[in-house]
Amino acid sequence: MIAVTCRNGKHFSVDPTLIERVETDPDTVVHLVDGTKYVVTDSLDHLLRTIRDHRAALTVVQKRLSGGTAQIADHASSVRNGTLRVERRQYDRSVESGRSAADRRRVDGSPEPDEG
């Protein structure tokens, strides 16, 4: 989601994948694929930079997750001024494992240490 500001001063978010086109004659008008139109105060250049940054941040996160790196939580705070944070869980919580919360295991396969 990207943040935009309407001409009436209200701030809201738009999914950039739903933007069909943007007109700039004379106001900046964002047209969504469902036919919704928003007149925004942001310039076309600002909107394009925001969409580019959003897509770049998503690409970075997807590549780091697919690469299996454990450092993503450490580096995610630097993506998009700290607004995007992704962490990997220490324990496997998948339903397919059929294990209860007491039987959880670490993602690396080692058993959970005893708490006593």
C-alpha atoms as a PDB file:
ATOM      1  CA  MET A   1       0.000   0.000   0.000  1.00  0.00           C
ATOM      2  CA  ILE A   2       1.127   3.530  -0.709  1.00  0.00           C
ATOM      3  CA  ALA A   3      -0.015   6.651   1.128  1.00  0.00           C
ATOM      4  CA  VAL A   4      -1.651   9.481  -0.818  1.00  0.00           C
ATOM      5  CA  THR A   5      -3.436  12.696   0.136  1.00  0.00           C
ATOM      6  CA  CYS A   6      -6.761  13.761  -1.363  1.00  0.00           C
ATOM      7  CA  ARG A   7      -7.451  17.361  -2.303  1.00  0.00           C
ATOM      8  CA  ASN A   8      -9.714  17.633   0.753  1.00  0.00           C
ATOM      9  CA  GLY A   9      -6.736  16.845   3.016  1.00  0.00           C
ATOM     10  CA  LYS A  10      -7.645  13.263   3.918  1.00  0.00           C
ATOM     11  CA  HIS A  11      -4.815  10.734   3.948  1.00  0.00           C
ATOM     12  CA  PHE A  12      -5.431   7.167   2.802  1.00  0.00           C
ATOM     13  CA  SER A  13      -3.689   4.162   1.276  1.00  0.00           C
ATOM     14  CA  VAL A  14      -3.978   2.707  -2.206  1.00  0.00           C
ATOM     15  CA  ASP A  15      -2.776  -0.651  -3.465  1.00  0.00           C
ATOM     16  CA  PRO A  16      -0.454   0.301  -6.356  1.00  0.00           C
ATOM     17  CA  THR A  17      -1.338  -2.885  -8.247  1.00  0.00           C
ATOM     18  CA  LEU A  18      -4.922  -1.566  -8.546  1.00  0.00           C
ATOM     19  CA  ILE A  19      -3.891   1.692 -10.247  1.00  0.00           C
ATOM     20  CA  GLU A  20      -4.914   1.630 -13.898  1.00  0.00           C
ATOM     21  CA  ARG A  21      -3.648   5.074 -14.887  1.00  0.00           C
ATOM     22  CA  VAL A  22      -2.822   8.546 -13.559  1.00  0.00           C
ATOM     23  CA  GLU A  23      -3.878  11.771 -15.294  1.00  0.00           C
ATOM     24  CA  THR A  24      -2.303  15.164 -14.658  1.00  0.00           C
ATOM     25  CA  ASP A  25      -4.531  17.595 -16.548  1.00  0.00           C
ATOM     26  CA  PRO A  26      -4.527  19.946 -14.510  1.00  0.00           C
ATOM     27  CA  ASP A  27      -5.054  17.979 -11.251  1.00  0.00           C
ATOM     28  CA  THR A  28      -3.489  14.612 -10.529  1.00  0.00           C
ATOM     29  CA  VAL A  29      -6.238  12.002 -10.845  1.00  0.00           C
ATOM     30  CA  VAL A  30      -5.612   8.365  -9.931  1.00  0.00           C
ATOM     31  CA  HIS A  31      -7.864   5.891 -11.767  1.00  0.00           C
ATOM     32  CA  LEU A  32      -8.232   2.422 -10.238  1.00  0.00           C
ATOM     33  CA  VAL A  33      -9.142  -0.725 -12.170  1.00  0.00           C
ATOM     34  CA  ASP A  34     -12.592  -0.816 -10.522  1.00  0.00           C
ATOM     35  CA  GLY A  35     -13.442   2.649 -11.936  1.00  0.00           C
ATOM     36  CA  THR A  36     -12.808   4.607  -8.719  1.00  0.00           C
ATOM     37  CA  LYS A  37     -11.137   7.995  -9.225  1.00  0.00           C
ATOM     38  CA  TYR A  38      -9.184   9.973  -6.643  1.00  0.00           C
ATOM     39  CA  VAL A  39      -8.014  13.568  -7.079  1.00  0.00           C
ATOM     40  CA  VAL A  40      -4.783  13.790  -5.095  1.00  0.00           C
ATOM     41  CA  THR A  41      -2.365  16.535  -4.141  1.00  0.00           C
ATOM     42  CA  ASP A  42       0.690  14.403  -4.942  1.00  0.00           C
ATOM     43  CA  SER A  43       2.475  15.074  -8.224  1.00  0.00           C
ATOM     44  CA  LEU A  44       2.885  12.397 -10.884  1.00  0.00           C
ATOM     45  CA  ASP A  45       6.623  12.218 -10.167  1.00  0.00           C
ATOM     46  CA  HIS A  46       6.006  11.724  -6.454  1.00  0.00           C
ATOM     47  CA  LEU A  47       3.460   8.963  -7.125  1.00  0.00           C
ATOM     48  CA  LEU A  48       5.845   7.178  -9.501  1.00  0.00           C
ATOM     49  CA  ARG A  49       8.699   7.356  -6.989  1.00  0.00           C
ATOM     50  CA  THR A  50       6.445   6.047  -4.222  1.00  0.00           C
ATOM     51  CA  ILE A  51       5.243   3.128  -6.365  1.00  0.00           C
ATOM     52  CA  ARG A  52       8.823   2.357  -7.411  1.00  0.00           C
ATOM     53  CA  ASP A  53      10.041   2.376  -3.801  1.00  0.00           C
ATOM     54  CA  HIS A  54       7.128   0.168  -2.730  1.00  0.00           C
ATOM     55  CA  ARG A  55       7.856  -2.408  -5.448  1.00  0.00           C
ATOM     56  CA  ALA A  56      11.590  -2.322  -4.729  1.00  0.00           C
ATOM     57  CA  ALA A  57      10.992  -2.961  -1.020  1.00  0.00           C
ATOM     58  CA  LEU A  58       8.715  -5.896  -1.837  1.00  0.00           C
ATOM     59  CA  THR A  59      11.298  -7.345  -4.210  1.00  0.00           C
ATOM     60  CA  VAL A  60      14.023  -7.103  -1.568  1.00  0.00           C
ATOM     61  CA  VAL A  61      11.867  -8.844   1.018  1.00  0.00           C
ATOM     62  CA  GLN A  62      10.818 -11.605  -1.402  1.00  0.00           C
ATOM     63  CA  LYS A  63      14.410 -12.291  -2.419  1.00  0.00           C
ATOM     64  CA  ARG A  64      15.595 -12.402   1.178  1.00  0.00           C
ATOM     65  CA  LEU A  65      12.776 -14.734   2.187  1.00  0.00           C
ATOM     66  CA  SER A  66      13.291 -17.059  -0.767  1.00  0.00           C
ATOM     67  CA  GLY A  67      17.031 -17.159  -0.067  1.00  0.00           C
ATOM     68  CA  GLY A  68      16.404 -18.406   3.455  1.00  0.00           C
ATOM     69  CA  THR A  69      18.474 -15.727   5.150  1.00  0.00           C
ATOM     70  CA  ALA A  70      17.979 -15.348   8.866  1.00  0.00           C
ATOM     71  CA  GLN A  71      19.277 -11.771   8.858  1.00  0.00           C
ATOM     72  CA  ILE A  72      16.123 -10.298   7.326  1.00  0.00           C
ATOM     73  CA  ALA A  73      14.788  -8.938  10.626  1.00  0.00           C
ATOM     74  CA  ASP A  74      18.088  -7.149  11.216  1.00  0.00           C
ATOM     75  CA  HIS A  75      18.107  -5.506   7.784  1.00  0.00           C
ATOM     76  CA  ALA A  76      14.375  -4.959   7.265  1.00  0.00           C
ATOM     77  CA  SER A  77      14.348  -1.848   9.430  1.00  0.00           C
ATOM     78  CA  SER A  78      16.473  -0.055   6.819  1.00  0.00           C
ATOM     79  CA  VAL A  79      13.972  -0.767   4.040  1.00  0.00           C
ATOM     80  CA  ARG A  80      11.697   2.207   3.300  1.00  0.00           C
ATOM     81  CA  ASN A  81      12.698   4.258   6.350  1.00  0.00           C
ATOM     82  CA  GLY A  82      11.805   1.552   8.846  1.00  0.00           C
ATOM     83  CA  THR A  83       8.161   1.184   7.833  1.00  0.00           C
ATOM     84  CA  LEU A  84       8.596  -2.396   6.675  1.00  0.00           C
ATOM     85  CA  ARG A  85       9.634  -5.059   9.171  1.00  0.00           C
ATOM     86  CA  VAL A  86       9.734  -8.771   8.452  1.00  0.00           C
ATOM     87  CA  GLU A  87      10.802 -11.351  10.995  1.00  0.00           C
ATOM     88  CA  ARG A  88      11.215 -15.087  10.810  1.00  0.00           C
ATOM     89  CA  ARG A  89       9.717 -17.060  13.651  1.00  0.00           C
ATOM     90  CA  GLN A  90      11.963 -19.109  15.865  1.00  0.00           C
ATOM     91  CA  TYR A  91       9.450 -21.954  16.058  1.00  0.00           C
ATOM     92  CA  ASP A  92       7.551 -23.902  13.416  1.00  0.00           C
ATOM     93  CA  ARG A  93       3.850 -23.086  13.876  1.00  0.00           C
ATOM     94  CA  SER A  94       2.488 -24.726  10.760  1.00  0.00           C
ATOM     95  CA  VAL A  95      -0.799 -26.568  11.039  1.00  0.00           C
ATOM     96  CA  GLU A  96       0.463 -29.317   8.735  1.00  0.00           C
ATOM     97  CA  SER A  97       2.975 -30.471  11.349  1.00  0.00           C
ATOM     98  CA  GLY A  98       0.106 -31.679  13.559  1.00  0.00           C
ATOM     99  CA  ARG A  99       1.991 -30.640  16.665  1.00  0.00           C
ATOM    100  CA  SER A 100       0.534 -28.785  19.593  1.00  0.00           C
ATOM    101  CA  ALA A 101       2.081 -25.641  21.009  1.00  0.00           C
ATOM    102  CA  ALA A 102       3.804 -27.765  23.665  1.00  0.00           C
ATOM    103  CA  ASP A 103       5.459 -29.897  20.948  1.00  0.00           C
ATOM    104  CA  ARG A 104       6.783 -27.013  18.884  1.00  0.00           C
ATOM    105  CA  ARG A 105      10.214 -27.336  17.422  1.00  0.00           C
ATOM    106  CA  ARG A 106      12.624 -24.695  16.228  1.00  0.00           C
ATOM    107  CA  VAL A 107      12.680 -23.918  12.520  1.00  0.00           C
ATOM    108  CA  ASP A 108      16.237 -25.334  12.307  1.00  0.00           C
ATOM    109  CA  GLY A 109      14.883 -28.718  13.507  1.00  0.00           C
ATOM    110  CA  SER A 110      16.361 -28.740  16.999  1.00  0.00           C
ATOM    111  CA  PRO A 111      13.975 -29.424  19.917  1.00  0.00           C
ATOM    112  CA  GLU A 112      12.777 -26.574  22.096  1.00  0.00           C
ATOM    113  CA  PRO A 113      14.882 -26.208  25.284  1.00  0.00           C
ATOM    114  CA  ASP A 114      13.204 -27.128  28.566  1.00  0.00           C
ATOM    115  CA  GLU A 115      11.929 -24.203  30.607  1.00  0.00           C
ATOM    116  CA  GLY A 116      12.472 -25.546  34.056  1.00  0.00           C
END
